[in-house]
């Protein structure tokens, strides 16, 4: 059987000294300190900075990838055909079966590059 050990106490160290004399002389409102979400008691004295995950270059690459995907989808669309006519050259041509999927895959590759950059 294992023995149950009591949890260790957490110690919070603050850098500001509070004195009752200064509070009596100049009553001021306390500044709001942003807090992290969490259950830890040391989260009271930490400040969370907002950091953007993606930069300007990442968004530029994402737009380029989105443009390539849209271009591939446009290459896959075709002209109108008459209901009584079946044009296999237009339907199964190089542009729709090879070029358009390659452009879409290239766009997806650029999106992956933009995310990992």
C-alpha atoms as a PDB file:
ATOM      1  CA  UNK A   1       0.000   0.000   0.000  1.00  0.00           C
ATOM      2  CA  UNK A   2       1.231   3.460  -0.764  1.00  0.00           C
ATOM      3  CA  UNK A   3       1.208   6.182   1.819  1.00  0.00           C
ATOM      4  CA  UNK A   4      -0.763   9.305   1.100  1.00  0.00           C
ATOM      5  CA  UNK A   5       1.429  12.398   1.055  1.00  0.00           C
ATOM      6  CA  UNK A   6      -0.141  15.764   1.787  1.00  0.00           C
ATOM      7  CA  UNK A   7       0.015  18.219  -1.157  1.00  0.00           C
ATOM      8  CA  UNK A   8       2.754  20.817  -1.081  1.00  0.00           C
ATOM      9  CA  UNK A   9       1.741  24.352  -0.276  1.00  0.00           C
ATOM     10  CA  UNK A  10       2.188  26.953  -2.982  1.00  0.00           C
ATOM     11  CA  UNK A  11       3.958  30.153  -2.024  1.00  0.00           C
ATOM     12  CA  UNK A  12       3.050  33.384  -3.821  1.00  0.00           C
ATOM     13  CA  UNK A  13       5.666  36.125  -3.740  1.00  0.00           C
ATOM     14  CA  UNK A  14       4.603  39.673  -4.549  1.00  0.00           C
ATOM     15  CA  UNK A  15       6.933  42.512  -5.406  1.00  0.00           C
ATOM     16  CA  UNK A  16       4.778  45.353  -4.127  1.00  0.00           C
ATOM     17  CA  UNK A  17       4.901  46.336  -0.488  1.00  0.00           C
ATOM     18  CA  UNK A  18       1.680  47.505   1.064  1.00  0.00           C
ATOM     19  CA  UNK A  19       1.816  49.919   3.919  1.00  0.00           C
ATOM     20  CA  UNK A  20      -1.203  51.143   5.782  1.00  0.00           C
ATOM     21  CA  UNK A  21       0.256  54.687   6.062  1.00  0.00           C
ATOM     22  CA  UNK A  22       0.432  55.283   2.304  1.00  0.00           C
ATOM     23  CA  UNK A  23      -3.067  53.961   1.800  1.00  0.00           C
ATOM     24  CA  UNK A  24      -4.424  56.342   4.429  1.00  0.00           C
ATOM     25  CA  UNK A  25      -2.674  59.392   2.975  1.00  0.00           C
ATOM     26  CA  UNK A  26      -3.628  58.952  -0.685  1.00  0.00           C
ATOM     27  CA  UNK A  27      -6.625  56.771  -1.345  1.00  0.00           C
ATOM     28  CA  UNK A  28      -6.262  55.458  -4.895  1.00  0.00           C
ATOM     29  CA  UNK A  29      -8.127  52.924  -6.894  1.00  0.00           C
ATOM     30  CA  UNK A  30      -6.263  49.732  -7.591  1.00  0.00           C
ATOM     31  CA  UNK A  31      -5.363  49.096 -11.209  1.00  0.00           C
ATOM     32  CA  UNK A  32      -7.033  46.144 -12.819  1.00  0.00           C
ATOM     33  CA  UNK A  33      -4.580  43.332 -13.429  1.00  0.00           C
ATOM     34  CA  UNK A  34      -5.421  40.953 -16.275  1.00  0.00           C
ATOM     35  CA  UNK A  35      -5.635  37.413 -15.031  1.00  0.00           C
ATOM     36  CA  UNK A  36      -5.163  34.082 -16.674  1.00  0.00           C
ATOM     37  CA  UNK A  37      -7.991  31.645 -16.570  1.00  0.00           C
ATOM     38  CA  UNK A  38      -7.144  28.799 -14.298  1.00  0.00           C
ATOM     39  CA  UNK A  39      -7.514  27.391 -10.838  1.00  0.00           C
ATOM     40  CA  UNK A  40      -3.973  28.007  -9.700  1.00  0.00           C
ATOM     41  CA  UNK A  41      -3.467  30.429  -6.832  1.00  0.00           C
ATOM     42  CA  UNK A  42      -0.340  31.904  -8.449  1.00  0.00           C
ATOM     43  CA  UNK A  43      -2.416  33.042 -11.434  1.00  0.00           C
ATOM     44  CA  UNK A  44      -3.450  36.128  -9.496  1.00  0.00           C
ATOM     45  CA  UNK A  45      -0.121  37.869 -10.001  1.00  0.00           C
ATOM     46  CA  UNK A  46       0.617  36.877 -13.593  1.00  0.00           C
ATOM     47  CA  UNK A  47      -0.117  39.002 -16.621  1.00  0.00           C
ATOM     48  CA  UNK A  48      -1.041  37.380 -19.898  1.00  0.00           C
ATOM     49  CA  UNK A  49       0.131  39.130 -23.038  1.00  0.00           C
ATOM     50  CA  UNK A  50      -1.873  38.896 -26.255  1.00  0.00           C
ATOM     51  CA  UNK A  51       0.414  37.476 -28.896  1.00  0.00           C
ATOM     52  CA  UNK A  52      -0.687  36.977 -32.483  1.00  0.00           C
ATOM     53  CA  UNK A  53      -0.046  33.449 -33.678  1.00  0.00           C
ATOM     54  CA  UNK A  54       0.199  34.389 -37.344  1.00  0.00           C
ATOM     55  CA  UNK A  55       1.985  37.385 -38.785  1.00  0.00           C
ATOM     56  CA  UNK A  56       1.440  39.416 -41.926  1.00  0.00           C
ATOM     57  CA  UNK A  57       3.447  36.974 -44.046  1.00  0.00           C
ATOM     58  CA  UNK A  58       1.375  34.013 -42.878  1.00  0.00           C
ATOM     59  CA  UNK A  59      -1.849  35.728 -43.898  1.00  0.00           C
ATOM     60  CA  UNK A  60      -0.321  36.669 -47.259  1.00  0.00           C
ATOM     61  CA  UNK A  61       0.582  33.015 -47.932  1.00  0.00           C
ATOM     62  CA  UNK A  62      -2.897  31.939 -46.813  1.00  0.00           C
ATOM     63  CA  UNK A  63      -4.502  34.310 -49.308  1.00  0.00           C
ATOM     64  CA  UNK A  64      -2.222  33.033 -52.076  1.00  0.00           C
ATOM     65  CA  UNK A  65      -3.211  29.444 -51.227  1.00  0.00           C
ATOM     66  CA  UNK A  66      -6.891  30.381 -51.155  1.00  0.00           C
ATOM     67  CA  UNK A  67      -6.496  32.051 -54.551  1.00  0.00           C
ATOM     68  CA  UNK A  68      -4.883  28.908 -55.989  1.00  0.00           C
ATOM     69  CA  UNK A  69      -7.707  26.723 -54.673  1.00  0.00           C
ATOM     70  CA  UNK A  70     -10.294  29.109 -56.162  1.00  0.00           C
ATOM     71  CA  UNK A  71      -8.406  29.150 -59.490  1.00  0.00           C
ATOM     72  CA  UNK A  72      -8.379  25.349 -59.533  1.00  0.00           C
ATOM     73  CA  UNK A  73     -12.113  25.252 -58.928  1.00  0.00           C
ATOM     74  CA  UNK A  74     -12.665  27.753 -61.728  1.00  0.00           C
ATOM     75  CA  UNK A  75     -10.518  25.645 -64.068  1.00  0.00           C
ATOM     76  CA  UNK A  76     -12.663  22.633 -63.207  1.00  0.00           C
ATOM     77  CA  UNK A  77     -15.896  24.363 -64.225  1.00  0.00           C
ATOM     78  CA  UNK A  78     -16.882  24.224 -67.845  1.00  0.00           C
ATOM     79  CA  UNK A  79     -19.064  25.675 -70.501  1.00  0.00           C
ATOM     80  CA  UNK A  80     -22.704  24.926 -71.010  1.00  0.00           C
ATOM     81  CA  UNK A  81     -23.580  21.904 -73.116  1.00  0.00           C
ATOM     82  CA  UNK A  82     -26.782  21.165 -74.934  1.00  0.00           C
ATOM     83  CA  UNK A  83     -28.772  18.349 -73.293  1.00  0.00           C
ATOM     84  CA  UNK A  84     -28.710  16.254 -76.450  1.00  0.00           C
ATOM     85  CA  UNK A  85     -24.957  16.686 -77.061  1.00  0.00           C
ATOM     86  CA  UNK A  86     -22.135  14.829 -75.253  1.00  0.00           C
ATOM     87  CA  UNK A  87     -18.688  16.340 -75.819  1.00  0.00           C
ATOM     88  CA  UNK A  88     -16.083  14.019 -74.272  1.00  0.00           C
ATOM     89  CA  UNK A  89     -13.158  16.220 -75.330  1.00  0.00           C
ATOM     90  CA  UNK A  90     -14.493  19.105 -73.277  1.00  0.00           C
ATOM     91  CA  UNK A  91     -15.671  17.018 -70.350  1.00  0.00           C
ATOM     92  CA  UNK A  92     -12.606  14.790 -69.951  1.00  0.00           C
ATOM     93  CA  UNK A  93      -9.996  17.235 -71.198  1.00  0.00           C
ATOM     94  CA  UNK A  94      -6.557  17.925 -69.729  1.00  0.00           C
ATOM     95  CA  UNK A  95      -7.675  21.139 -68.022  1.00  0.00           C
ATOM     96  CA  UNK A  96     -10.441  19.524 -65.940  1.00  0.00           C
ATOM     97  CA  UNK A  97      -8.872  16.164 -65.134  1.00  0.00           C
ATOM     98  CA  UNK A  98      -5.193  17.043 -64.626  1.00  0.00           C
ATOM     99  CA  UNK A  99      -4.494  20.769 -64.407  1.00  0.00           C
ATOM    100  CA  UNK A 100      -7.341  21.822 -62.085  1.00  0.00           C
ATOM    101  CA  UNK A 101      -6.685  19.137 -59.417  1.00  0.00           C
ATOM    102  CA  UNK A 102      -2.948  19.925 -59.489  1.00  0.00           C
ATOM    103  CA  UNK A 103      -3.646  23.628 -58.964  1.00  0.00           C
ATOM    104  CA  UNK A 104      -5.996  22.805 -56.061  1.00  0.00           C
ATOM    105  CA  UNK A 105      -3.374  20.536 -54.473  1.00  0.00           C
ATOM    106  CA  UNK A 106      -0.752  23.257 -54.921  1.00  0.00           C
ATOM    107  CA  UNK A 107      -3.100  25.674 -53.134  1.00  0.00           C
ATOM    108  CA  UNK A 108      -3.521  23.222 -50.273  1.00  0.00           C
ATOM    109  CA  UNK A 109       0.264  22.840 -50.080  1.00  0.00           C
ATOM    110  CA  UNK A 110       0.668  26.612 -49.855  1.00  0.00           C
ATOM    111  CA  UNK A 111      -1.938  26.660 -47.059  1.00  0.00           C
ATOM    112  CA  UNK A 112       0.024  24.045 -45.095  1.00  0.00           C
ATOM    113  CA  UNK A 113       3.209  26.055 -45.644  1.00  0.00           C
ATOM    114  CA  UNK A 114       1.459  29.221 -44.420  1.00  0.00           C
ATOM    115  CA  UNK A 115       0.289  27.504 -41.248  1.00  0.00           C
ATOM    116  CA  UNK A 116       3.665  25.959 -40.373  1.00  0.00           C
ATOM    117  CA  UNK A 117       5.750  29.020 -41.282  1.00  0.00           C
END
